[in-house]
Amino acid sequence: MYIKTYTKDLRKACVEAIFSEFENEGDAIRPAYADGWDEIEARRSLGHIVGYVDLDVPDLVDVIIDTIVKEAQK
């Protein structure tokens, strides 16, 4: 059984950080091929990033960890 160990605000902050990483064309989420940014769509209301993407998992984890640390310091 999964036990929820985070707050709604922390989850919201992590989701926002991931969308910001995408919108700023960061390294964690990028097109699977060159110049494919126009073919990837952020659907914030659904919580999805849709398209042919290349996820750099370690970089994505860094975005999430940095967000958790930042939120803990508030």
C-alpha atoms as a PDB file:
ATOM      1  CA  MET A   1       0.000   0.000   0.000  1.00  0.00           C
ATOM      2  CA  TYR A   2       1.281   3.443  -0.944  1.00  0.00           C
ATOM      3  CA  ILE A   3       1.437   6.041   1.816  1.00  0.00           C
ATOM      4  CA  LYS A   4       1.241   9.666   0.711  1.00  0.00           C
ATOM      5  CA  THR A   5       4.187  11.476   2.266  1.00  0.00           C
ATOM      6  CA  TYR A   6       3.995  14.829   0.487  1.00  0.00           C
ATOM      7  CA  THR A   7       1.736  17.843   0.594  1.00  0.00           C
ATOM      8  CA  LYS A   8      -0.502  19.121  -2.162  1.00  0.00           C
ATOM      9  CA  ASP A   9       1.643  22.276  -2.371  1.00  0.00           C
ATOM     10  CA  LEU A  10       4.851  20.275  -2.831  1.00  0.00           C
ATOM     11  CA  ARG A  11       3.281  18.194  -5.596  1.00  0.00           C
ATOM     12  CA  LYS A  12       2.029  21.351  -7.305  1.00  0.00           C
ATOM     13  CA  ALA A  13       5.492  22.947  -7.071  1.00  0.00           C
ATOM     14  CA  CYS A  14       7.150  19.867  -8.618  1.00  0.00           C
ATOM     15  CA  VAL A  15       4.645  19.758 -11.476  1.00  0.00           C
ATOM     16  CA  GLU A  16       5.207  23.480 -12.084  1.00  0.00           C
ATOM     17  CA  ALA A  17       8.982  22.966 -12.091  1.00  0.00           C
ATOM     18  CA  ILE A  18       8.706  20.232 -14.724  1.00  0.00           C
ATOM     19  CA  PHE A  19       6.506  22.390 -16.955  1.00  0.00           C
ATOM     20  CA  SER A  20       8.924  25.311 -16.496  1.00  0.00           C
ATOM     21  CA  GLU A  21      11.848  23.087 -17.472  1.00  0.00           C
ATOM     22  CA  PHE A  22       9.985  22.193 -20.670  1.00  0.00           C
ATOM     23  CA  GLU A  23       8.896  25.757 -21.472  1.00  0.00           C
ATOM     24  CA  ASN A  24      12.426  27.081 -20.943  1.00  0.00           C
ATOM     25  CA  GLU A  25      13.685  24.379 -23.327  1.00  0.00           C
ATOM     26  CA  GLY A  26      15.871  22.885 -20.623  1.00  0.00           C
ATOM     27  CA  ASP A  27      17.938  19.727 -20.903  1.00  0.00           C
ATOM     28  CA  ALA A  28      15.636  17.381 -18.997  1.00  0.00           C
ATOM     29  CA  ILE A  29      12.799  17.403 -21.540  1.00  0.00           C
ATOM     30  CA  ARG A  30      13.627  18.006 -25.179  1.00  0.00           C
ATOM     31  CA  PRO A  31      12.547  16.891 -28.633  1.00  0.00           C
ATOM     32  CA  ALA A  32      13.636  13.420 -29.622  1.00  0.00           C
ATOM     33  CA  TYR A  33      15.087  14.940 -32.783  1.00  0.00           C
ATOM     34  CA  ALA A  34      16.565  18.335 -33.659  1.00  0.00           C
ATOM     35  CA  ASP A  35      14.265  21.340 -33.999  1.00  0.00           C
ATOM     36  CA  GLY A  36      11.178  19.422 -32.905  1.00  0.00           C
ATOM     37  CA  TRP A  37      10.037  21.931 -30.265  1.00  0.00           C
ATOM     38  CA  ASP A  38       7.010  22.915 -32.361  1.00  0.00           C
ATOM     39  CA  GLU A  39       5.757  19.340 -32.305  1.00  0.00           C
ATOM     40  CA  ILE A  40       5.685  19.049 -28.516  1.00  0.00           C
ATOM     41  CA  GLU A  41       2.768  20.482 -26.588  1.00  0.00           C
ATOM     42  CA  ALA A  42       2.382  21.292 -22.893  1.00  0.00           C
ATOM     43  CA  ARG A  43      -1.156  20.613 -21.707  1.00  0.00           C
ATOM     44  CA  ARG A  44      -1.033  22.085 -18.227  1.00  0.00           C
ATOM     45  CA  SER A  45      -4.740  21.591 -17.517  1.00  0.00           C
ATOM     46  CA  LEU A  46      -4.274  17.849 -18.018  1.00  0.00           C
ATOM     47  CA  GLY A  47      -0.797  17.704 -16.527  1.00  0.00           C
ATOM     48  CA  HIS A  48       0.688  16.295 -19.741  1.00  0.00           C
ATOM     49  CA  ILE A  49       3.525  17.072 -22.096  1.00  0.00           C
ATOM     50  CA  VAL A  50       2.615  15.474 -25.407  1.00  0.00           C
ATOM     51  CA  GLY A  51       4.868  14.660 -28.332  1.00  0.00           C
ATOM     52  CA  TYR A  52       7.960  12.757 -29.314  1.00  0.00           C
ATOM     53  CA  VAL A  53      10.305  13.695 -26.446  1.00  0.00           C
ATOM     54  CA  ASP A  54      13.639  12.648 -25.066  1.00  0.00           C
ATOM     55  CA  LEU A  55      13.616  12.582 -21.259  1.00  0.00           C
ATOM     56  CA  ASP A  56      16.912  12.918 -19.471  1.00  0.00           C
ATOM     57  CA  VAL A  57      15.833  11.134 -16.302  1.00  0.00           C
ATOM     58  CA  PRO A  58      18.774  12.193 -14.080  1.00  0.00           C
ATOM     59  CA  ASP A  59      18.217  15.847 -15.069  1.00  0.00           C
ATOM     60  CA  LEU A  60      14.481  15.499 -14.431  1.00  0.00           C
ATOM     61  CA  VAL A  61      15.190  14.024 -10.996  1.00  0.00           C
ATOM     62  CA  ASP A  62      17.503  16.985 -10.295  1.00  0.00           C
ATOM     63  CA  VAL A  63      14.660  19.395 -11.162  1.00  0.00           C
ATOM     64  CA  ILE A  64      12.374  17.579  -8.724  1.00  0.00           C
ATOM     65  CA  ILE A  65      14.950  17.348  -5.923  1.00  0.00           C
ATOM     66  CA  ASP A  66      15.874  21.026  -6.309  1.00  0.00           C
ATOM     67  CA  THR A  67      12.183  21.894  -6.045  1.00  0.00           C
ATOM     68  CA  ILE A  68      11.731  19.787  -2.913  1.00  0.00           C
ATOM     69  CA  VAL A  69      14.745  21.449  -1.263  1.00  0.00           C
ATOM     70  CA  LYS A  70      13.494  24.915  -2.248  1.00  0.00           C
ATOM     71  CA  GLU A  71      10.016  24.199  -0.877  1.00  0.00           C
ATOM     72  CA  ALA A  72      11.466  22.814   2.376  1.00  0.00           C
ATOM     73  CA  GLN A  73      13.374  26.055   2.922  1.00  0.00           C
ATOM     74  CA  LYS A  74      10.222  28.191   2.794  1.00  0.00           C
END
